[in-house]
């Protein structure tokens, strides 16, 4: 038992520190995800060891101190997403909010056949904007009859590679674009959304590749940071939403926020884990909404499952530009900007390489 605890504690400590490395290697970046789990298991290992086997030797004390450092290393990442931390995005104080609208984000999982269950969830929550990740043509055709009637505006790019995307809106969309920022076959959307009160905001939807076996994260980082720079350069308020395939506390997401200046409503409120819906204990916040400080939060909630491996997210925002200075925006320094540019360049080069291979193999 003692040897088991020593091995387990050492492995978890290694995992904690390994995730500090600034590298796109998939077998490192996957450890960005389970920080809460590593902290929990390592704390349990630490307490079990000192409860049963603590002898007080110098080497043993050093080992336990290292374990404690690893625990605090994990906790410092996830602390901001607990109710103990200060809220980054402020709630509206208008009663009732006069210029509010809702956005629903859902990764439907392309192989999920429960189309009608998802449709009923959409109809029940009645969002003003609906962002669907992973729809293929079967999903499109199933949803089209009902949703085309309810949403007069749409951008559609259903695909059979799990990276399809559809955006429905009750508000007018203009200058809409389907963009392939880094990789062929992995679209993102850009559009200007016109709210009923003569106000426009820029909406960006994304779904980059996740870290997985033999798939590093250069292209994910590049896509997110390219969008962050676009947000920074626009004159209008912006919202970025979708399945980012990254957790809210990762270095990449933090860098994205600093470059874009957008707020995360989860900070100070909770994890709002959306993946994996099939595994209750191992869940992470992968589906996100980031927005400008012209908006105030009315409500944020995770919706029930509908057969996908992701839970949907529904957020309601109120447009309050007169109060925007009360919300402090994340700010990038010169080192952040330099790092972002380097990551974008690396990702674009990797994207070119992958696109070349896809064309050679006839995938695009």
Protein backbone atom coordinates (compact mmCIF):
# COMPACT_ATOMS: atom_id res chain seq x y z
CA UNK A 1 0.00 0.00 0.00
CA UNK A 2 2.81 2.41 0.89
CA UNK A 3 4.57 1.78 -2.41
CA UNK A 4 1.29 2.31 -4.27
CA UNK A 5 0.79 5.70 -2.60
CA UNK A 6 4.38 6.73 -3.34
CA UNK A 7 4.04 5.81 -7.02
CA UNK A 8 0.61 7.44 -7.34
CA UNK A 9 1.74 10.64 -5.62
CA UNK A 10 4.88 10.86 -7.76
CA UNK A 11 2.98 10.29 -11.01
CA UNK A 12 0.33 12.90 -10.14
CA UNK A 13 3.05 15.38 -9.15
CA UNK A 14 4.80 14.80 -12.48
CA UNK A 15 1.49 15.38 -14.31
CA UNK A 16 0.96 18.64 -12.41
CA UNK A 17 4.36 20.06 -13.33
CA UNK A 18 4.41 18.60 -16.84
CA UNK A 19 1.39 20.71 -17.78
CA UNK A 20 3.44 23.85 -17.04
CA UNK A 21 5.50 23.28 -20.17
CA UNK A 22 4.75 25.69 -23.02
CA UNK A 23 4.54 23.12 -25.78
CA UNK A 24 1.83 22.02 -28.23
CA UNK A 25 2.64 18.32 -27.75
CA UNK A 26 -0.65 16.47 -27.33
CA UNK A 27 0.57 14.25 -24.48
CA UNK A 28 1.42 17.39 -22.49
CA UNK A 29 -1.59 19.53 -23.38
CA UNK A 30 -4.11 16.84 -22.39
CA UNK A 31 -2.99 17.42 -18.80
CA UNK A 32 -4.42 20.95 -18.96
CA UNK A 33 -7.83 19.34 -18.61
CA UNK A 34 -7.87 17.31 -15.36
CA UNK A 35 -6.38 19.88 -12.96
CA UNK A 36 -9.27 19.56 -10.50
CA UNK A 37 -9.01 15.77 -10.65
CA UNK A 38 -5.24 15.77 -10.16
CA UNK A 39 -5.62 18.13 -7.18
CA UNK A 40 -8.32 15.91 -5.66
CA UNK A 41 -6.49 12.61 -6.15
CA UNK A 42 -3.15 14.02 -5.01
CA UNK A 43 -4.74 15.53 -1.90
CA UNK A 44 -6.30 12.16 -1.07
CA UNK A 45 -2.94 10.45 -1.64
CA UNK A 46 -1.16 13.01 0.55
CA UNK A 47 -3.65 12.61 3.43
CA UNK A 48 -3.60 8.83 3.19
CA UNK A 49 0.18 8.75 3.29
CA UNK A 50 0.60 11.04 6.30
CA UNK A 51 -2.26 9.23 8.05
CA UNK A 52 -0.78 5.74 7.70
CA UNK A 53 2.94 5.95 6.93
CA UNK A 54 4.31 9.33 8.06
CA UNK A 55 7.70 8.80 9.77
CA UNK A 56 9.22 12.27 9.64
CA UNK A 57 12.47 11.63 7.78
CA UNK A 58 14.09 14.43 5.77
CA UNK A 59 13.58 12.77 2.38
CA UNK A 60 10.01 11.94 3.22
CA UNK A 61 9.33 15.53 4.33
CA UNK A 62 10.78 16.91 1.10
CA UNK A 63 8.65 14.51 -0.92
CA UNK A 64 5.49 15.58 0.88
CA UNK A 65 6.35 19.26 0.44
CA UNK A 66 6.75 18.66 -3.30
CA UNK A 67 3.33 16.98 -3.33
CA UNK A 68 1.84 20.00 -1.56
CA UNK A 69 3.40 22.35 -4.12
CA UNK A 70 1.91 20.23 -6.91
CA UNK A 71 -1.53 20.41 -5.25
CA UNK A 72 -1.37 24.19 -4.95
CA UNK A 73 -0.13 24.39 -8.55
CA UNK A 74 -3.33 22.70 -9.71
CA UNK A 75 -5.59 24.68 -7.39
CA UNK A 76 -4.25 28.04 -8.58
CA UNK A 77 -5.51 27.30 -12.08
CA UNK A 78 -9.02 26.28 -11.13
CA UNK A 79 -9.58 28.64 -8.16
CA UNK A 80 -10.83 31.46 -10.41
CA UNK A 81 -13.68 29.23 -11.53
CA UNK A 82 -15.08 28.76 -8.04
CA UNK A 83 -17.56 31.05 -6.27
CA UNK A 84 -14.72 32.01 -3.89
CA UNK A 85 -13.09 34.14 -6.60
CA UNK A 86 -14.20 37.60 -7.70
CA UNK A 87 -16.47 37.73 -10.72
CA UNK A 88 -14.77 38.94 -13.90
CA UNK A 89 -18.00 39.58 -15.82
CA UNK A 90 -20.55 41.54 -13.82
CA UNK A 91 -24.25 40.76 -13.66
CA UNK A 92 -26.78 43.25 -14.93
CA UNK A 93 -28.50 45.47 -12.39
CA UNK A 94 -31.37 46.37 -14.71
CA UNK A 95 -34.74 45.01 -13.60
CA UNK A 96 -35.93 43.87 -16.02
CA UNK A 97 -33.01 43.99 -18.49
CA UNK A 98 -34.13 46.15 -21.40
CA UNK A 99 -31.75 45.04 -24.17
CA UNK A 100 -31.17 41.36 -23.52
CA UNK A 101 -30.75 38.45 -25.89
CA UNK A 102 -29.83 34.79 -25.52
CA UNK A 103 -27.30 32.53 -27.22
CA UNK A 104 -27.38 28.74 -27.11
CA UNK A 105 -24.25 26.76 -27.97
CA UNK A 106 -24.46 23.01 -28.59
CA UNK A 107 -22.08 20.40 -29.90
CA UNK A 108 -24.64 17.88 -31.16
CA UNK A 109 -22.14 15.07 -31.83
CA UNK A 110 -22.39 14.10 -35.47
CA UNK A 111 -23.14 10.43 -34.77
CA UNK A 112 -25.91 11.26 -32.28
CA UNK A 113 -29.26 10.27 -33.79
CA UNK A 114 -31.50 12.01 -31.23
CA UNK A 115 -32.27 14.90 -33.56
CA UNK A 116 -35.78 15.47 -32.27
CA UNK A 117 -34.70 15.51 -28.63
CA UNK A 118 -32.27 18.31 -29.45
CA UNK A 119 -34.92 20.15 -31.45
CA UNK A 120 -37.33 20.03 -28.51
CA UNK A 121 -34.61 21.43 -26.26
CA UNK A 122 -34.08 24.33 -28.66
CA UNK A 123 -37.78 25.06 -28.89
CA UNK A 124 -38.18 24.93 -25.12
CA UNK A 125 -35.36 27.42 -24.47
CA UNK A 126 -36.13 29.55 -27.51
CA UNK A 127 -32.72 31.24 -27.93
CA UNK A 128 -32.28 34.31 -30.11
CA UNK A 129 -29.07 32.87 -31.56
CA UNK A 130 -28.28 29.18 -31.90
CA UNK A 131 -24.76 27.88 -32.59
CA UNK A 132 -24.52 24.22 -33.56
CA UNK A 133 -21.18 22.39 -33.72
CA UNK A 134 -20.65 19.03 -35.49
CA UNK A 135 -23.80 18.94 -37.67
CA UNK A 136 -23.60 16.90 -40.85
CA UNK A 137 -26.16 16.93 -43.65
CA UNK A 138 -28.41 14.50 -41.77
CA UNK A 139 -28.56 16.89 -38.83
CA UNK A 140 -29.14 19.82 -41.17
CA UNK A 141 -32.03 18.17 -42.96
CA UNK A 142 -33.61 17.03 -39.70
CA UNK A 143 -33.55 20.49 -38.11
CA UNK A 144 -34.16 22.57 -41.21
CA UNK A 145 -37.99 22.35 -41.51
CA UNK A 146 -38.63 23.69 -38.01
CA UNK A 147 -35.63 25.94 -37.41
CA UNK A 148 -35.72 27.67 -40.80
CA UNK A 149 -39.23 28.87 -39.89
CA UNK A 150 -38.22 30.16 -36.47
CA UNK A 151 -34.88 31.72 -37.40
CA UNK A 152 -35.03 33.98 -40.48
CA UNK A 153 -31.23 34.29 -40.72
CA UNK A 154 -28.61 31.55 -40.87
CA UNK A 155 -25.09 30.56 -41.88
CA UNK A 156 -24.71 26.89 -42.72
CA UNK A 157 -21.74 24.64 -43.28
CA UNK A 158 -22.72 21.04 -42.45
CA UNK A 159 -19.81 18.64 -42.90
CA UNK A 160 -19.19 14.91 -42.54
CA UNK A 161 -15.87 15.30 -40.67
CA UNK A 162 -17.28 16.31 -37.21
CA UNK A 163 -16.39 19.97 -37.82
CA UNK A 164 -19.61 21.14 -39.44
CA UNK A 165 -21.21 24.32 -38.12
CA UNK A 166 -24.61 25.99 -38.36
CA UNK A 167 -25.62 29.38 -36.96
CA UNK A 168 -29.28 30.38 -36.65
CA UNK A 169 -30.38 33.88 -35.68
CA UNK A 170 -33.59 35.80 -35.10
CA UNK A 171 -31.58 38.98 -35.66
CA UNK A 172 -30.37 40.24 -39.01
CA UNK A 173 -26.93 39.00 -40.04
CA UNK A 174 -24.71 40.92 -42.43
CA UNK A 175 -21.25 40.56 -43.98
CA UNK A 176 -21.29 36.91 -42.99
CA UNK A 177 -18.29 34.73 -43.87
CA UNK A 178 -17.40 31.06 -43.60
CA UNK A 179 -13.68 31.10 -42.90
CA UNK A 180 -11.04 28.38 -42.89
CA UNK A 181 -8.47 30.23 -40.81
CA UNK A 182 -5.90 27.48 -40.35
CA UNK A 183 -7.06 24.10 -41.65
CA UNK A 184 -9.10 23.14 -44.69
CA UNK A 185 -12.27 21.40 -43.58
CA UNK A 186 -12.41 23.16 -40.19
CA UNK A 187 -14.62 26.23 -40.58
CA UNK A 188 -15.30 29.19 -38.35
CA UNK A 189 -17.96 31.82 -38.85
CA UNK A 190 -17.86 35.59 -38.75
CA UNK A 191 -20.94 37.78 -38.94
CA UNK A 192 -22.29 41.14 -37.84
CA UNK A 193 -25.41 40.76 -35.71
CA UNK A 194 -27.90 43.63 -35.73
CA UNK A 195 -29.86 43.88 -32.49
CA UNK A 196 -33.39 45.35 -32.53
CA UNK A 197 -32.25 48.61 -30.95
CA UNK A 198 -30.00 49.74 -33.79
CA UNK A 199 -26.86 48.19 -32.39
CA UNK A 200 -24.46 45.77 -34.07
CA UNK A 201 -21.91 43.40 -32.61
CA UNK A 202 -19.39 41.06 -34.21
CA UNK A 203 -19.96 37.35 -33.63
CA UNK A 204 -17.23 34.76 -34.15
CA UNK A 205 -17.91 31.04 -33.82
CA UNK A 206 -15.08 28.51 -33.59
CA UNK A 207 -14.46 24.78 -33.23
CA UNK A 208 -10.73 24.00 -33.56
CA UNK A 209 -9.16 20.57 -33.23
CA UNK A 210 -8.56 19.17 -29.73
CA UNK A 211 -5.36 17.56 -28.43
CA UNK A 212 -5.60 13.84 -29.06
CA UNK A 213 -3.42 10.85 -29.90
CA UNK A 214 -0.71 12.03 -32.33
CA UNK A 215 -2.52 15.35 -32.84
CA UNK A 216 -0.72 18.32 -31.32
CA UNK A 217 -2.37 21.67 -30.65
CA UNK A 218 -0.53 24.15 -32.89
CA UNK A 219 -3.57 24.68 -35.11
CA UNK A 220 -5.96 25.11 -32.17
CA UNK A 221 -3.77 27.79 -30.63
CA UNK A 222 -3.36 29.59 -33.95
CA UNK A 223 -7.10 29.65 -34.71
CA UNK A 224 -8.08 30.96 -31.27
CA UNK A 225 -5.39 33.63 -31.26
CA UNK A 226 -6.16 34.74 -34.83
CA UNK A 227 -9.76 35.32 -33.73
CA UNK A 228 -8.51 37.13 -30.63
CA UNK A 229 -6.53 39.55 -32.80
CA UNK A 230 -9.55 40.11 -35.06
CA UNK A 231 -11.64 40.97 -32.02
CA UNK A 232 -9.04 43.42 -30.80
CA UNK A 233 -8.96 45.24 -34.12
CA UNK A 234 -12.70 45.72 -34.56
CA UNK A 235 -14.54 48.88 -33.55
CA UNK A 236 -17.69 47.03 -32.50
CA UNK A 237 -18.42 44.94 -29.40
CA UNK A 238 -17.60 41.28 -29.99
CA UNK A 239 -18.67 37.85 -28.85
CA UNK A 240 -16.72 34.63 -29.44
CA UNK A 241 -18.56 31.35 -28.88
CA UNK A 242 -18.32 27.67 -29.62
CA UNK A 243 -16.59 24.44 -28.71
CA UNK A 244 -13.01 25.61 -28.18
CA UNK A 245 -11.72 22.13 -27.30
CA UNK A 246 -9.80 23.81 -24.50
CA UNK A 247 -10.51 24.29 -20.82
CA UNK A 248 -11.25 27.70 -19.34
CA UNK A 249 -8.10 27.72 -17.15
CA UNK A 250 -5.49 26.80 -19.76
CA UNK A 251 -2.64 29.11 -20.69
CA UNK A 252 -3.98 29.30 -24.25
CA UNK A 253 -7.42 30.43 -23.12
CA UNK A 254 -5.87 32.99 -20.77
CA UNK A 255 -3.71 34.30 -23.62
CA UNK A 256 -6.78 34.42 -25.87
CA UNK A 257 -8.55 36.60 -23.29
CA UNK A 258 -5.60 38.92 -22.87
CA UNK A 259 -5.17 39.45 -26.60
CA UNK A 260 -8.90 39.86 -27.30
CA UNK A 261 -9.83 41.75 -24.13
CA UNK A 262 -12.97 39.65 -23.75
CA UNK A 263 -14.56 38.54 -20.47
CA UNK A 264 -15.31 35.02 -19.25
CA UNK A 265 -18.60 34.79 -17.31
CA UNK A 266 -17.46 31.56 -15.64
CA UNK A 267 -14.82 33.34 -13.56
CA UNK A 268 -16.17 33.58 -10.02
CA UNK A 269 -19.29 31.56 -10.86
CA UNK A 270 -18.32 27.96 -11.53
CA UNK A 271 -16.97 25.43 -14.00
CA UNK A 272 -20.15 24.82 -16.04
CA UNK A 273 -18.62 21.60 -17.34
CA UNK A 274 -20.03 20.64 -20.73
CA UNK A 275 -17.95 17.57 -21.67
CA UNK A 276 -18.15 14.55 -21.28
CA UNK A 277 -21.89 14.13 -20.73
CA UNK A 278 -21.44 10.34 -20.68
CA UNK A 279 -18.90 10.31 -17.82
CA UNK A 280 -20.22 12.17 -14.74
CA UNK A 281 -16.95 12.45 -12.81
CA UNK A 282 -14.67 13.41 -15.69
CA UNK A 283 -16.19 16.58 -17.09
CA UNK A 284 -14.56 19.78 -18.33
CA UNK A 285 -15.67 23.23 -19.56
CA UNK A 286 -15.01 23.02 -23.33
CA UNK A 287 -17.94 25.06 -24.70
CA UNK A 288 -17.45 28.78 -24.15
CA UNK A 289 -18.84 32.26 -24.60
CA UNK A 290 -16.50 35.24 -24.27
CA UNK A 291 -17.82 38.76 -24.70
CA UNK A 292 -16.93 42.45 -24.63
CA UNK A 293 -17.46 44.66 -21.59
CA UNK A 294 -20.35 46.41 -23.38
CA UNK A 295 -22.47 43.47 -22.22
CA UNK A 296 -23.64 42.44 -18.75
CA UNK A 297 -24.59 38.93 -17.74
CA UNK A 298 -28.25 38.16 -17.13
CA UNK A 299 -28.02 34.37 -16.86
CA UNK A 300 -25.70 31.47 -17.66
CA UNK A 301 -26.74 27.86 -17.37
CA UNK A 302 -25.94 24.37 -18.57
CA UNK A 303 -28.87 22.67 -20.28
CA UNK A 304 -29.92 19.00 -20.04
CA UNK A 305 -28.29 16.28 -22.13
CA UNK A 306 -29.88 15.23 -25.42
CA UNK A 307 -27.74 12.30 -26.53
CA UNK A 308 -24.55 14.20 -27.36
CA UNK A 309 -21.31 13.91 -25.41
CA UNK A 310 -21.61 17.67 -24.76
CA UNK A 311 -24.15 19.53 -22.66
CA UNK A 312 -25.47 22.73 -24.29
CA UNK A 313 -24.85 26.15 -22.75
CA UNK A 314 -27.42 28.96 -22.69
CA UNK A 315 -26.30 32.50 -21.92
CA UNK A 316 -28.39 35.65 -21.71
CA UNK A 317 -26.65 39.02 -22.04
CA UNK A 318 -27.84 42.60 -21.74
CA UNK A 319 -26.35 45.36 -23.86
CA UNK A 320 -25.18 48.08 -21.44
CA UNK A 321 -22.38 50.11 -23.04
CA UNK A 322 -22.97 52.97 -20.62
CA UNK A 323 -21.71 50.74 -17.79
CA UNK A 324 -18.80 49.11 -19.58
CA UNK A 325 -16.01 50.89 -17.70
CA UNK A 326 -17.09 49.14 -14.50
CA UNK A 327 -15.86 45.83 -15.95
CA UNK A 328 -12.10 45.51 -16.14
CA UNK A 329 -10.93 44.05 -19.44
CA UNK A 330 -8.01 41.62 -19.65
CA UNK A 331 -4.96 43.37 -21.12
CA UNK A 332 -2.03 41.90 -23.05
CA UNK A 333 1.53 43.07 -22.48
CA UNK A 334 4.33 42.94 -25.04
CA UNK A 335 5.37 39.44 -24.03
CA UNK A 336 1.79 38.21 -24.53
CA UNK A 337 1.62 39.78 -27.98
CA UNK A 338 4.97 38.30 -28.95
CA UNK A 339 3.95 34.85 -27.75
CA UNK A 340 0.63 35.07 -29.58
CA UNK A 341 2.34 36.00 -32.85
CA UNK A 342 4.80 33.12 -32.48
CA UNK A 343 2.01 30.63 -31.77
CA UNK A 344 0.01 31.89 -34.73
CA UNK A 345 2.99 31.49 -37.04
CA UNK A 346 3.69 27.96 -35.77
CA UNK A 347 0.03 27.03 -36.17
CA UNK A 348 -0.25 28.41 -39.68
CA UNK A 349 2.84 26.49 -40.73
CA UNK A 350 1.41 23.31 -39.22
CA UNK A 351 -1.91 24.03 -40.92
CA UNK A 352 -0.20 24.38 -44.29
CA UNK A 353 1.49 21.04 -43.74
CA UNK A 354 -1.78 19.33 -42.81
CA UNK A 355 -3.64 20.94 -45.71
CA UNK A 356 -1.00 19.71 -48.13
CA UNK A 357 -1.36 16.16 -46.82
CA UNK A 358 -5.16 16.36 -47.08
CA UNK A 359 -4.99 17.52 -50.69
CA UNK A 360 -2.54 14.76 -51.58
CA UNK A 361 -4.81 12.14 -50.02
CA UNK A 362 -7.92 13.61 -51.65
CA UNK A 363 -9.59 14.54 -48.35
CA UNK A 364 -10.36 18.10 -49.57
